[in-house]
Amino acid sequence: MRVKRGMASHRRHKRYLDAAKGFRGGRSVLYRTAREAVERAWANSFVGRKLRKRDFRSLWIVRINAGAREHGLSYSRFMNGLAKAGVSLDRKVLSALAIYDKEDFAKLVELAKSKLA
């Protein structure tokens, strides 16, 4: 008795075609094209998850720098002053303070200035 493999390949094809839903043209209809597109998309999404961490960190640094320079201090000197003061807030929190709570951020800048002097 021979083994017919139609179900296995149909299931495999369906998995890729379902993942390609929303792609344009043959990339969502033709199995081979869809598989190439989906595998490339998966690879890019893996890379994108790593890049997102870099992008957010650089965004936070830009915001902190802008907030610190409003008070006459560069980013690097501000972070150095905070380290000397023993303040261990991460960049995400500092950037949120720089945008939404300018008074508290100004106090942190003054603290950093006092430790640098």
PDB file of N, CA and C in Angstrom:
ATOM      1  N   MET A   1       0.842  -1.182   0.000  1.00  0.00           N
ATOM      2  CA  MET A   1       0.000   0.000   0.000  1.00  0.00           C
ATOM      3  C   MET A   1       0.890   1.249   0.000  1.00  0.00           C
ATOM      4  N   ARG A   2       0.612   2.168  -0.880  1.00  0.00           N
ATOM      5  CA  ARG A   2       1.435   3.366  -0.962  1.00  0.00           C
ATOM      6  C   ARG A   2       0.850   4.486  -0.107  1.00  0.00           C
ATOM      7  N   VAL A   3       1.729   5.409   0.278  1.00  0.00           N
ATOM      8  CA  VAL A   3       1.328   6.547   1.099  1.00  0.00           C
ATOM      9  C   VAL A   3       1.126   7.740   0.187  1.00  0.00           C
ATOM     10  N   LYS A   4      -0.060   8.306   0.241  1.00  0.00           N
ATOM     11  CA  LYS A   4      -0.349   9.502  -0.548  1.00  0.00           C
ATOM     12  C   LYS A   4      -0.088  10.716   0.339  1.00  0.00           C
ATOM     13  N   ARG A   5       0.654  11.679  -0.199  1.00  0.00           N
ATOM     14  CA  ARG A   5       1.109  12.786   0.644  1.00  0.00           C
ATOM     15  C   ARG A   5       0.395  14.099   0.341  1.00  0.00           C
ATOM     16  N   GLY A   6      -0.766  14.032  -0.280  1.00  0.00           N
ATOM     17  CA  GLY A   6      -1.478  15.248  -0.665  1.00  0.00           C
ATOM     18  C   GLY A   6      -1.861  16.111   0.519  1.00  0.00           C
ATOM     19  N   MET A   7      -2.305  15.490   1.606  1.00  0.00           N
ATOM     20  CA  MET A   7      -2.746  16.265   2.770  1.00  0.00           C
ATOM     21  C   MET A   7      -1.588  17.026   3.398  1.00  0.00           C
ATOM     22  N   ALA A   8      -0.427  16.381   3.485  1.00  0.00           N
ATOM     23  CA  ALA A   8       0.718  17.026   4.134  1.00  0.00           C
ATOM     24  C   ALA A   8       1.156  18.267   3.366  1.00  0.00           C
ATOM     25  N   SER A   9       1.259  18.134   2.046  1.00  0.00           N
ATOM     26  CA  SER A   9       1.700  19.284   1.261  1.00  0.00           C
ATOM     27  C   SER A   9       0.632  20.368   1.237  1.00  0.00           C
ATOM     28  N   HIS A  10      -0.625  19.965   1.226  1.00  0.00           N
ATOM     29  CA  HIS A  10      -1.710  20.953   1.254  1.00  0.00           C
ATOM     30  C   HIS A  10      -1.667  21.746   2.555  1.00  0.00           C
ATOM     31  N   ARG A  11      -1.426  21.039   3.639  1.00  0.00           N
ATOM     32  CA  ARG A  11      -1.351  21.702   4.945  1.00  0.00           C
ATOM     33  C   ARG A  11      -0.161  22.666   4.990  1.00  0.00           C
ATOM     34  N   ARG A  12       0.977  22.224   4.445  1.00  0.00           N
ATOM     35  CA  ARG A  12       2.178  23.054   4.426  1.00  0.00           C
ATOM     36  C   ARG A  12       1.956  24.296   3.574  1.00  0.00           C
ATOM     37  N   HIS A  13       1.364  24.115   2.403  1.00  0.00           N
ATOM     38  CA  HIS A  13       1.088  25.254   1.520  1.00  0.00           C
ATOM     39  C   HIS A  13       0.124  26.232   2.194  1.00  0.00           C
ATOM     40  N   LYS A  14      -0.888  25.686   2.828  1.00  0.00           N
ATOM     41  CA  LYS A  14      -1.902  26.534   3.464  1.00  0.00           C
ATOM     42  C   LYS A  14      -1.291  27.392   4.564  1.00  0.00           C
ATOM     43  N   ARG A  15      -0.343  26.815   5.301  1.00  0.00           N
ATOM     44  CA  ARG A  15       0.301  27.556   6.385  1.00  0.00           C
ATOM     45  C   ARG A  15       0.996  28.809   5.841  1.00  0.00           C
ATOM     46  N   TYR A  16       1.711  28.662   4.737  1.00  0.00           N
ATOM     47  CA  TYR A  16       2.404  29.812   4.146  1.00  0.00           C
ATOM     48  C   TYR A  16       1.425  30.790   3.507  1.00  0.00           C
ATOM     49  N   LEU A  17       0.412  30.277   2.834  1.00  0.00           N
ATOM     50  CA  LEU A  17      -0.554  31.165   2.176  1.00  0.00           C
ATOM     51  C   LEU A  17      -1.362  31.948   3.207  1.00  0.00           C
ATOM     52  N   ASP A  18      -1.658  31.340   4.347  1.00  0.00           N
ATOM     53  CA  ASP A  18      -2.346  32.068   5.411  1.00  0.00           C
ATOM     54  C   ASP A  18      -1.450  33.171   5.975  1.00  0.00           C
ATOM     55  N   ALA A  19      -0.148  32.867   6.089  1.00  0.00           N
ATOM     56  CA  ALA A  19       0.787  33.871   6.606  1.00  0.00           C
ATOM     57  C   ALA A  19       0.976  35.022   5.624  1.00  0.00           C
ATOM     58  N   ALA A  20       0.732  34.756   4.318  1.00  0.00           N
ATOM     59  CA  ALA A  20       0.907  35.779   3.287  1.00  0.00           C
ATOM     60  C   ALA A  20      -0.366  36.576   3.051  1.00  0.00           C
ATOM     61  N   LYS A  21      -1.357  36.380   3.890  1.00  0.00           N
ATOM     62  CA  LYS A  21      -2.623  37.097   3.721  1.00  0.00           C
ATOM     63  C   LYS A  21      -2.354  38.599   3.835  1.00  0.00           C
ATOM     64  N   GLY A  22      -2.876  39.355   2.897  1.00  0.00           N
ATOM     65  CA  GLY A  22      -2.660  40.799   2.898  1.00  0.00           C
ATOM     66  C   GLY A  22      -1.532  41.230   1.990  1.00  0.00           C
ATOM     67  N   PHE A  23      -0.703  40.294   1.533  1.00  0.00           N
ATOM     68  CA  PHE A  23       0.346  40.630   0.585  1.00  0.00           C
ATOM     69  C   PHE A  23      -0.306  40.898  -0.761  1.00  0.00           C
ATOM     70  N   ARG A  24       0.355  41.673  -1.616  1.00  0.00           N
ATOM     71  CA  ARG A  24      -0.248  42.060  -2.887  1.00  0.00           C
ATOM     72  C   ARG A  24       0.176  41.135  -4.021  1.00  0.00           C
ATOM     73  N   GLY A  25      -0.725  40.947  -4.968  1.00  0.00           N
ATOM     74  CA  GLY A  25      -0.428  40.190  -6.179  1.00  0.00           C
ATOM     75  C   GLY A  25      -0.206  38.725  -5.902  1.00  0.00           C
ATOM     76  N   GLY A  26       0.722  38.130  -6.675  1.00  0.00           N
ATOM     77  CA  GLY A  26       0.990  36.705  -6.574  1.00  0.00           C
ATOM     78  C   GLY A  26       1.598  36.316  -5.246  1.00  0.00           C
ATOM     79  N   ARG A  27       2.103  37.298  -4.500  1.00  0.00           N
ATOM     80  CA  ARG A  27       2.733  36.996  -3.219  1.00  0.00           C
ATOM     81  C   ARG A  27       1.739  36.434  -2.201  1.00  0.00           C
ATOM     82  N   SER A  28       0.444  36.615  -2.444  1.00  0.00           N
ATOM     83  CA  SER A  28      -0.544  36.062  -1.518  1.00  0.00           C
ATOM     84  C   SER A  28      -1.301  34.879  -2.133  1.00  0.00           C
ATOM     85  N   VAL A  29      -1.018  34.554  -3.404  1.00  0.00           N
ATOM     86  CA  VAL A  29      -1.792  33.525  -4.102  1.00  0.00           C
ATOM     87  C   VAL A  29      -0.923  32.341  -4.519  1.00  0.00           C
ATOM     88  N   LEU A  30       0.254  32.629  -5.051  1.00  0.00           N
ATOM     89  CA  LEU A  30       1.133  31.582  -5.568  1.00  0.00           C
ATOM     90  C   LEU A  30       2.013  31.054  -4.437  1.00  0.00           C
ATOM     91  N   TYR A  31       2.035  29.728  -4.281  1.00  0.00           N
ATOM     92  CA  TYR A  31       2.715  29.147  -3.122  1.00  0.00           C
ATOM     93  C   TYR A  31       4.190  29.521  -3.060  1.00  0.00           C
ATOM     94  N   ARG A  32       4.925  29.322  -4.158  1.00  0.00           N
ATOM     95  CA  ARG A  32       6.372  29.525  -4.117  1.00  0.00           C
ATOM     96  C   ARG A  32       6.708  30.991  -3.827  1.00  0.00           C
ATOM     97  N   THR A  33       5.998  31.886  -4.500  1.00  0.00           N
ATOM     98  CA  THR A  33       6.222  33.313  -4.290  1.00  0.00           C
ATOM     99  C   THR A  33       5.840  33.712  -2.871  1.00  0.00           C
ATOM    100  N   ALA A  34       4.721  33.171  -2.392  1.00  0.00           N
ATOM    101  CA  ALA A  34       4.264  33.484  -1.042  1.00  0.00           C
ATOM    102  C   ALA A  34       5.262  32.993  -0.007  1.00  0.00           C
ATOM    103  N   ARG A  35       5.804  31.794  -0.217  1.00  0.00           N
ATOM    104  CA  ARG A  35       6.773  31.253   0.740  1.00  0.00           C
ATOM    105  C   ARG A  35       8.009  32.127   0.817  1.00  0.00           C
ATOM    106  N   GLU A  36       8.508  32.562  -0.344  1.00  0.00           N
ATOM    107  CA  GLU A  36       9.682  33.444  -0.355  1.00  0.00           C
ATOM    108  C   GLU A  36       9.383  34.750   0.368  1.00  0.00           C
ATOM    109  N   ALA A  37       8.198  35.315   0.105  1.00  0.00           N
ATOM    110  CA  ALA A  37       7.836  36.582   0.722  1.00  0.00           C
ATOM    111  C   ALA A  37       7.672  36.442   2.231  1.00  0.00           C
ATOM    112  N   VAL A  38       7.033  35.362   2.656  1.00  0.00           N
ATOM    113  CA  VAL A  38       6.787  35.140   4.084  1.00  0.00           C
ATOM    114  C   VAL A  38       8.100  34.903   4.820  1.00  0.00           C
ATOM    115  N   GLU A  39       8.980  34.088   4.251  1.00  0.00           N
ATOM    116  CA  GLU A  39      10.253  33.823   4.930  1.00  0.00           C
ATOM    117  C   GLU A  39      11.100  35.078   5.025  1.00  0.00           C
ATOM    118  N   ARG A  40      11.058  35.901   3.982  1.00  0.00           N
ATOM    119  CA  ARG A  40      11.777  37.169   4.033  1.00  0.00           C
ATOM    120  C   ARG A  40      11.167  38.090   5.083  1.00  0.00           C
ATOM    121  N   ALA A  41       9.831  38.091   5.153  1.00  0.00           N
ATOM    122  CA  ALA A  41       9.141  38.923   6.152  1.00  0.00           C
ATOM    123  C   ALA A  41       9.482  38.471   7.567  1.00  0.00           C
ATOM    124  N   TRP A  42       9.543  37.167   7.784  1.00  0.00           N
ATOM    125  CA  TRP A  42       9.910  36.659   9.103  1.00  0.00           C
ATOM    126  C   TRP A  42      11.327  37.053   9.465  1.00  0.00           C
ATOM    127  N   ALA A  43      12.236  36.992   8.503  1.00  0.00           N
ATOM    128  CA  ALA A  43      13.626  37.382   8.762  1.00  0.00           C
ATOM    129  C   ALA A  43      13.702  38.864   9.101  1.00  0.00           C
ATOM    130  N   ASN A  44      12.973  39.677   8.345  1.00  0.00           N
ATOM    131  CA  ASN A  44      12.990  41.118   8.595  1.00  0.00           C
ATOM    132  C   ASN A  44      12.354  41.462   9.929  1.00  0.00           C
ATOM    133  N   SER A  45      11.317  40.733  10.318  1.00  0.00           N
ATOM    134  CA  SER A  45      10.674  41.032  11.593  1.00  0.00           C
ATOM    135  C   SER A  45      11.593  40.656  12.750  1.00  0.00           C
ATOM    136  N   PHE A  46      12.403  39.606  12.566  1.00  0.00           N
ATOM    137  CA  PHE A  46      13.382  39.246  13.595  1.00  0.00           C
ATOM    138  C   PHE A  46      14.397  40.368  13.757  1.00  0.00           C
ATOM    139  N   VAL A  47      14.908  40.855  12.637  1.00  0.00           N
ATOM    140  CA  VAL A  47      15.873  41.957  12.673  1.00  0.00           C
ATOM    141  C   VAL A  47      15.211  43.204  13.254  1.00  0.00           C
ATOM    142  N   GLY A  48      13.955  43.451  12.855  1.00  0.00           N
ATOM    143  CA  GLY A  48      13.238  44.635  13.308  1.00  0.00           C
ATOM    144  C   GLY A  48      13.056  44.671  14.809  1.00  0.00           C
ATOM    145  N   ARG A  49      12.885  43.505  15.422  1.00  0.00           N
ATOM    146  CA  ARG A  49      12.738  43.471  16.880  1.00  0.00           C
ATOM    147  C   ARG A  49      14.027  43.906  17.559  1.00  0.00           C
ATOM    148  N   LYS A  50      15.152  43.635  16.941  1.00  0.00           N
ATOM    149  CA  LYS A  50      16.433  44.084  17.506  1.00  0.00           C
ATOM    150  C   LYS A  50      16.628  45.582  17.255  1.00  0.00           C
ATOM    151  N   LEU A  51      16.277  46.024  16.049  1.00  0.00           N
ATOM    152  CA  LEU A  51      16.458  47.436  15.695  1.00  0.00           C
ATOM    153  C   LEU A  51      15.560  48.344  16.530  1.00  0.00           C
ATOM    154  N   ARG A  52      14.369  47.869  16.873  1.00  0.00           N
ATOM    155  CA  ARG A  52      13.429  48.686  17.638  1.00  0.00           C
ATOM    156  C   ARG A  52      14.044  49.134  18.963  1.00  0.00           C
ATOM    157  N   LYS A  53      14.808  48.256  19.600  1.00  0.00           N
ATOM    158  CA  LYS A  53      15.441  48.587  20.870  1.00  0.00           C
ATOM    159  C   LYS A  53      16.448  49.714  20.686  1.00  0.00           C
ATOM    160  N   ARG A  54      17.226  49.644  19.586  1.00  0.00           N
ATOM    161  CA  ARG A  54      18.189  50.708  19.280  1.00  0.00           C
ATOM    162  C   ARG A  54      17.486  52.028  19.006  1.00  0.00           C
ATOM    163  N   ASP A  55      16.415  51.937  18.194  1.00  0.00           N
ATOM    164  CA  ASP A  55      15.707  53.147  17.782  1.00  0.00           C
ATOM    165  C   ASP A  55      15.107  53.869  18.978  1.00  0.00           C
ATOM    166  N   PHE A  56      14.497  53.116  19.893  1.00  0.00           N
ATOM    167  CA  PHE A  56      13.895  53.752  21.049  1.00  0.00           C
ATOM    168  C   PHE A  56      14.950  54.365  21.954  1.00  0.00           C
ATOM    169  N   ARG A  57      16.064  53.667  22.145  1.00  0.00           N
ATOM    170  CA  ARG A  57      17.115  54.225  22.995  1.00  0.00           C
ATOM    171  C   ARG A  57      17.632  55.531  22.413  1.00  0.00           C
ATOM    172  N   SER A  58      17.848  55.584  21.095  1.00  0.00           N
ATOM    173  CA  SER A  58      18.348  56.823  20.486  1.00  0.00           C
ATOM    174  C   SER A  58      17.297  57.924  20.563  1.00  0.00           C
ATOM    175  N   LEU A  59      16.010  57.572  20.447  1.00  0.00           N
ATOM    176  CA  LEU A  59      14.946  58.562  20.591  1.00  0.00           C
ATOM    177  C   LEU A  59      14.942  59.147  22.003  1.00  0.00           C
ATOM    178  N   TRP A  60      15.075  58.274  23.011  1.00  0.00           N
ATOM    179  CA  TRP A  60      15.104  58.757  24.389  1.00  0.00           C
ATOM    180  C   TRP A  60      16.286  59.683  24.615  1.00  0.00           C
ATOM    181  N   ILE A  61      17.434  59.325  24.054  1.00  0.00           N
ATOM    182  CA  ILE A  61      18.634  60.154  24.232  1.00  0.00           C
ATOM    183  C   ILE A  61      18.427  61.523  23.602  1.00  0.00           C
ATOM    184  N   VAL A  62      17.819  61.568  22.417  1.00  0.00           N
ATOM    185  CA  VAL A  62      17.551  62.854  21.754  1.00  0.00           C
ATOM    186  C   VAL A  62      16.647  63.712  22.626  1.00  0.00           C
ATOM    187  N   ARG A  63      15.616  63.120  23.210  1.00  0.00           N
ATOM    188  CA  ARG A  63      14.683  63.875  24.050  1.00  0.00           C
ATOM    189  C   ARG A  63      15.341  64.381  25.321  1.00  0.00           C
ATOM    190  N   ILE A  64      16.163  63.531  25.943  1.00  0.00           N
ATOM    191  CA  ILE A  64      16.866  63.951  27.161  1.00  0.00           C
ATOM    192  C   ILE A  64      17.830  65.080  26.837  1.00  0.00           C
ATOM    193  N   ASN A  65      18.536  64.957  25.728  1.00  0.00           N
ATOM    194  CA  ASN A  65      19.489  65.981  25.301  1.00  0.00           C
ATOM    195  C   ASN A  65      18.771  67.313  25.098  1.00  0.00           C
ATOM    196  N   ALA A  66      17.618  67.283  24.432  1.00  0.00           N
ATOM    197  CA  ALA A  66      16.859  68.510  24.185  1.00  0.00           C
ATOM    198  C   ALA A  66      16.422  69.135  25.508  1.00  0.00           C
ATOM    199  N   GLY A  67      15.940  68.292  26.431  1.00  0.00           N
ATOM    200  CA  GLY A  67      15.505  68.811  27.727  1.00  0.00           C
ATOM    201  C   GLY A  67      16.651  69.375  28.536  1.00  0.00           C
ATOM    202  N   ALA A  68      17.801  68.704  28.501  1.00  0.00           N
ATOM    203  CA  ALA A  68      18.958  69.168  29.273  1.00  0.00           C
ATOM    204  C   ALA A  68      19.512  70.463  28.697  1.00  0.00           C
ATOM    205  N   ARG A  69      19.536  70.571  27.375  1.00  0.00           N
ATOM    206  CA  ARG A  69      20.078  71.785  26.747  1.00  0.00           C
ATOM    207  C   ARG A  69      19.207  73.008  26.994  1.00  0.00           C
ATOM    208  N   GLU A  70      17.900  72.811  27.244  1.00  0.00           N
ATOM    209  CA  GLU A  70      17.043  73.941  27.621  1.00  0.00           C
ATOM    210  C   GLU A  70      17.510  74.573  28.919  1.00  0.00           C
ATOM    211  N   HIS A  71      18.191  73.770  29.743  1.00  0.00           N
ATOM    212  CA  HIS A  71      18.685  74.255  31.037  1.00  0.00           C
ATOM    213  C   HIS A  71      20.197  74.449  31.026  1.00  0.00           C
ATOM    214  N   GLY A  72      20.798  74.477  29.839  1.00  0.00           N
ATOM    215  CA  GLY A  72      22.216  74.804  29.705  1.00  0.00           C
ATOM    216  C   GLY A  72      23.174  73.677  30.019  1.00  0.00           C
ATOM    217  N   LEU A  73      22.766  72.455  29.752  1.00  0.00           N
ATOM    218  CA  LEU A  73      23.631  71.311  30.031  1.00  0.00           C
ATOM    219  C   LEU A  73      23.537  70.340  28.859  1.00  0.00           C
ATOM    220  N   SER A  74      24.676  69.772  28.463  1.00  0.00           N
ATOM    221  CA  SER A  74      24.641  68.789  27.378  1.00  0.00           C
ATOM    222  C   SER A  74      24.197  67.435  27.944  1.00  0.00           C
ATOM    223  N   TYR A  75      23.851  66.529  27.049  1.00  0.00           N
ATOM    224  CA  TYR A  75      23.379  65.201  27.454  1.00  0.00           C
ATOM    225  C   TYR A  75      24.437  64.469  28.266  1.00  0.00           C
ATOM    226  N   SER A  76      25.665  64.464  27.757  1.00  0.00           N
ATOM    227  CA  SER A  76      26.708  63.672  28.420  1.00  0.00           C
ATOM    228  C   SER A  76      27.028  64.230  29.801  1.00  0.00           C
ATOM    229  N   ARG A  77      27.064  65.551  29.934  1.00  0.00           N
ATOM    230  CA  ARG A  77      27.347  66.158  31.247  1.00  0.00           C
ATOM    231  C   ARG A  77      26.166  65.931  32.199  1.00  0.00           C
ATOM    232  N   PHE A  78      24.954  65.976  31.657  1.00  0.00           N
ATOM    233  CA  PHE A  78      23.762  65.725  32.475  1.00  0.00           C
ATOM    234  C   PHE A  78      23.781  64.299  33.027  1.00  0.00           C
ATOM    235  N   MET A  79      24.050  63.321  32.160  1.00  0.00           N
ATOM    236  CA  MET A  79      24.081  61.925  32.594  1.00  0.00           C
ATOM    237  C   MET A  79      25.226  61.683  33.583  1.00  0.00           C
ATOM    238  N   ASN A  80      26.354  62.344  33.361  1.00  0.00           N
ATOM    239  CA  ASN A  80      27.488  62.227  34.280  1.00  0.00           C
ATOM    240  C   ASN A  80      27.120  62.794  35.649  1.00  0.00           C
ATOM    241  N   GLY A  81      26.441  63.941  35.647  1.00  0.00           N
ATOM    242  CA  GLY A  81      26.016  64.549  36.905  1.00  0.00           C
ATOM    243  C   GLY A  81      25.022  63.670  37.650  1.00  0.00           C
ATOM    244  N   LEU A  82      24.104  63.057  36.921  1.00  0.00           N
ATOM    245  CA  LEU A  82      23.146  62.156  37.567  1.00  0.00           C
ATOM    246  C   LEU A  82      23.848  60.943  38.164  1.00  0.00           C
ATOM    247  N   ALA A  83      24.836  60.428  37.447  1.00  0.00           N
ATOM    248  CA  ALA A  83      25.576  59.267  37.953  1.00  0.00           C
ATOM    249  C   ALA A  83      26.317  59.633  39.238  1.00  0.00           C
ATOM    250  N   LYS A  84      26.928  60.820  39.251  1.00  0.00           N
ATOM    251  CA  LYS A  84      27.647  61.267  40.453  1.00  0.00           C
ATOM    252  C   LYS A  84      26.686  61.510  41.611  1.00  0.00           C
ATOM    253  N   ALA A  85      25.454  61.906  41.289  1.00  0.00           N
ATOM    254  CA  ALA A  85      24.447  62.150  42.325  1.00  0.00           C
ATOM    255  C   ALA A  85      23.806  60.856  42.814  1.00  0.00           C
ATOM    256  N   GLY A  86      24.081  59.762  42.120  1.00  0.00           N
ATOM    257  CA  GLY A  86      23.522  58.477  42.518  1.00  0.00           C
ATOM    258  C   GLY A  86      22.087  58.269  42.059  1.00  0.00           C
ATOM    259  N   VAL A  87      21.665  59.038  41.051  1.00  0.00           N
ATOM    260  CA  VAL A  87      20.312  58.886  40.500  1.00  0.00           C
ATOM    261  C   VAL A  87      20.358  57.779  39.456  1.00  0.00           C
ATOM    262  N   SER A  88      19.545  56.754  39.638  1.00  0.00           N
ATOM    263  CA  SER A  88      19.590  55.619  38.711  1.00  0.00           C
ATOM    264  C   SER A  88      18.274  55.479  37.957  1.00  0.00           C
ATOM    265  N   LEU A  89      17.855  56.556  37.311  1.00  0.00           N
ATOM    266  CA  LEU A  89      16.671  56.496  36.449  1.00  0.00           C
ATOM    267  C   LEU A  89      17.129  56.104  35.051  1.00  0.00           C
ATOM    268  N   ASP A  90      16.352  55.244  34.389  1.00  0.00           N
ATOM    269  CA  ASP A  90      16.747  54.856  33.038  1.00  0.00           C
ATOM    270  C   ASP A  90      16.328  55.919  32.028  1.00  0.00           C
ATOM    271  N   ARG A  91      16.817  55.770  30.816  1.00  0.00           N
ATOM    272  CA  ARG A  91      16.601  56.797  29.788  1.00  0.00           C
ATOM    273  C   ARG A  91      15.136  56.922  29.387  1.00  0.00           C
ATOM    274  N   LYS A  92      14.406  55.833  29.457  1.00  0.00           N
ATOM    275  CA  LYS A  92      12.978  55.877  29.117  1.00  0.00           C
ATOM    276  C   LYS A  92      12.235  56.810  30.068  1.00  0.00           C
ATOM    277  N   VAL A  93      12.499  56.662  31.358  1.00  0.00           N
ATOM    278  CA  VAL A  93      11.836  57.489  32.371  1.00  0.00           C
ATOM    279  C   VAL A  93      12.301  58.932  32.254  1.00  0.00           C
ATOM    280  N   LEU A  94      13.600  59.130  32.056  1.00  0.00           N
ATOM    281  CA  LEU A  94      14.126  60.492  31.931  1.00  0.00           C
ATOM    282  C   LEU A  94      13.514  61.219  30.736  1.00  0.00           C
ATOM    283  N   SER A  95      13.344  60.513  29.618  1.00  0.00           N
ATOM    284  CA  SER A  95      12.758  61.162  28.437  1.00  0.00           C
ATOM    285  C   SER A  95      11.297  61.507  28.684  1.00  0.00           C
ATOM    286  N   ALA A  96      10.589  60.644  29.393  1.00  0.00           N
ATOM    287  CA  ALA A  96       9.194  60.950  29.728  1.00  0.00           C
ATOM    288  C   ALA A  96       9.116  62.170  30.633  1.00  0.00           C
ATOM    289  N   LEU A  97      10.028  62.279  31.582  1.00  0.00           N
ATOM    290  CA  LEU A  97      10.073  63.458  32.448  1.00  0.00           C
ATOM    291  C   LEU A  97      10.384  64.714  31.642  1.00  0.00           C
ATOM    292  N   ALA A  98      11.311  64.599  30.707  1.00  0.00           N
ATOM    293  CA  ALA A  98      11.705  65.758  29.899  1.00  0.00           C
ATOM    294  C   ALA A  98      10.541  66.283  29.071  1.00  0.00           C
ATOM    295  N   ILE A  99       9.623  65.396  28.680  1.00  0.00           N
ATOM    296  CA  ILE A  99       8.498  65.816  27.837  1.00  0.00           C
ATOM    297  C   ILE A  99       7.293  66.234  28.682  1.00  0.00           C
ATOM    298  N   TYR A 100       6.896  65.385  29.624  1.00  0.00           N
ATOM    299  CA  TYR A 100       5.611  65.560  30.292  1.00  0.00           C
ATOM    300  C   TYR A 100       5.697  66.214  31.664  1.00  0.00           C
ATOM    301  N   ASP A 101       6.869  66.214  32.288  1.00  0.00           N
ATOM    302  CA  ASP A 101       6.984  66.763  33.642  1.00  0.00           C
ATOM    303  C   ASP A 101       8.233  67.625  33.723  1.00  0.00           C
ATOM    304  N   LYS A 102       8.166  68.780  33.075  1.00  0.00           N
ATOM    305  CA  LYS A 102       9.345  69.628  32.911  1.00  0.00           C
ATOM    306  C   LYS A 102       9.879  70.154  34.241  1.00  0.00           C
ATOM    307  N   GLU A 103       8.995  70.371  35.238  1.00  0.00           N
ATOM    308  CA  GLU A 103       9.463  70.898  36.529  1.00  0.00           C
ATOM    309  C   GLU A 103      10.375  69.896  37.239  1.00  0.00           C
ATOM    310  N   ASP A 104       9.945  68.641  37.267  1.00  0.00           N
ATOM    311  CA  ASP A 104      10.768  67.614  37.914  1.00  0.00           C
ATOM    312  C   ASP A 104      12.068  67.390  37.153  1.00  0.00           C
ATOM    313  N   PHE A 105      11.989  67.459  35.818  1.00  0.00           N
ATOM    314  CA  PHE A 105      13.208  67.300  35.014  1.00  0.00           C
ATOM    315  C   PHE A 105      14.173  68.445  35.306  1.00  0.00           C
ATOM    316  N   ALA A 106      13.632  69.664  35.472  1.00  0.00           N
ATOM    317  CA  ALA A 106      14.478  70.823  35.793  1.00  0.00           C
ATOM    318  C   ALA A 106      15.190  70.610  37.131  1.00  0.00           C
ATOM    319  N   LYS A 107      14.490  69.998  38.105  1.00  0.00           N
ATOM    320  CA  LYS A 107      15.121  69.712  39.404  1.00  0.00           C
ATOM    321  C   LYS A 107      16.264  68.716  39.237  1.00  0.00           C
ATOM    322  N   LEU A 108      16.045  67.717  38.374  1.00  0.00           N
ATOM    323  CA  LEU A 108      17.117  66.750  38.115  1.00  0.00           C
ATOM    324  C   LEU A 108      18.318  67.422  37.464  1.00  0.00           C
ATOM    325  N   VAL A 109      18.057  68.346  36.537  1.00  0.00           N
ATOM    326  CA  VAL A 109      19.149  69.063  35.877  1.00  0.00           C
ATOM    327  C   VAL A 109      19.927  69.877  36.900  1.00  0.00           C
ATOM    328  N   GLU A 110      19.213  70.553  37.811  1.00  0.00           N
ATOM    329  CA  GLU A 110      19.890  71.339  38.853  1.00  0.00           C
ATOM    330  C   GLU A 110      20.713  70.438  39.762  1.00  0.00           C
ATOM    331  N   LEU A 111      20.174  69.266  40.082  1.00  0.00           N
ATOM    332  CA  LEU A 111      20.920  68.305  40.899  1.00  0.00           C
ATOM    333  C   LEU A 111      22.203  67.874  40.180  1.00  0.00           C
ATOM    334  N   ALA A 112      22.074  67.592  38.891  1.00  0.00           N
ATOM    335  CA  ALA A 112      23.242  67.173  38.108  1.00  0.00           C
ATOM    336  C   ALA A 112      24.262  68.304  38.050  1.00  0.00           C
ATOM    337  N   LYS A 113      23.798  69.539  37.881  1.00  0.00           N
ATOM    338  CA  LYS A 113      24.716  70.695  37.840  1.00  0.00           C
ATOM    339  C   LYS A 113      25.461  70.844  39.153  1.00  0.00           C
ATOM    340  N   SER A 114      24.751  70.669  40.261  1.00  0.00           N
ATOM    341  CA  SER A 114      25.385  70.837  41.578  1.00  0.00           C
ATOM    342  C   SER A 114      26.463  69.776  41.807  1.00  0.00           C
ATOM    343  N   LYS A 115      26.240  68.565  41.293  1.00  0.00           N
ATOM    344  CA  LYS A 115      27.245  67.511  41.468  1.00  0.00           C
ATOM    345  C   LYS A 115      28.439  67.691  40.533  1.00  0.00           C
ATOM    346  N   LEU A 116      28.236  68.398  39.419  1.00  0.00           N
ATOM    347  CA  LEU A 116      29.342  68.633  38.492  1.00  0.00           C
ATOM    348  C   LEU A 116      30.238  69.763  38.946  1.00  0.00           C
ATOM    349  N   ALA A 117      29.671  70.697  39.692  1.00  0.00           N
ATOM    350  CA  ALA A 117      30.432  71.885  40.114  1.00  0.00           C
ATOM    351  C   ALA A 117      31.472  71.580  41.186  1.00  0.00           C
TER     352      ALA A 117
END
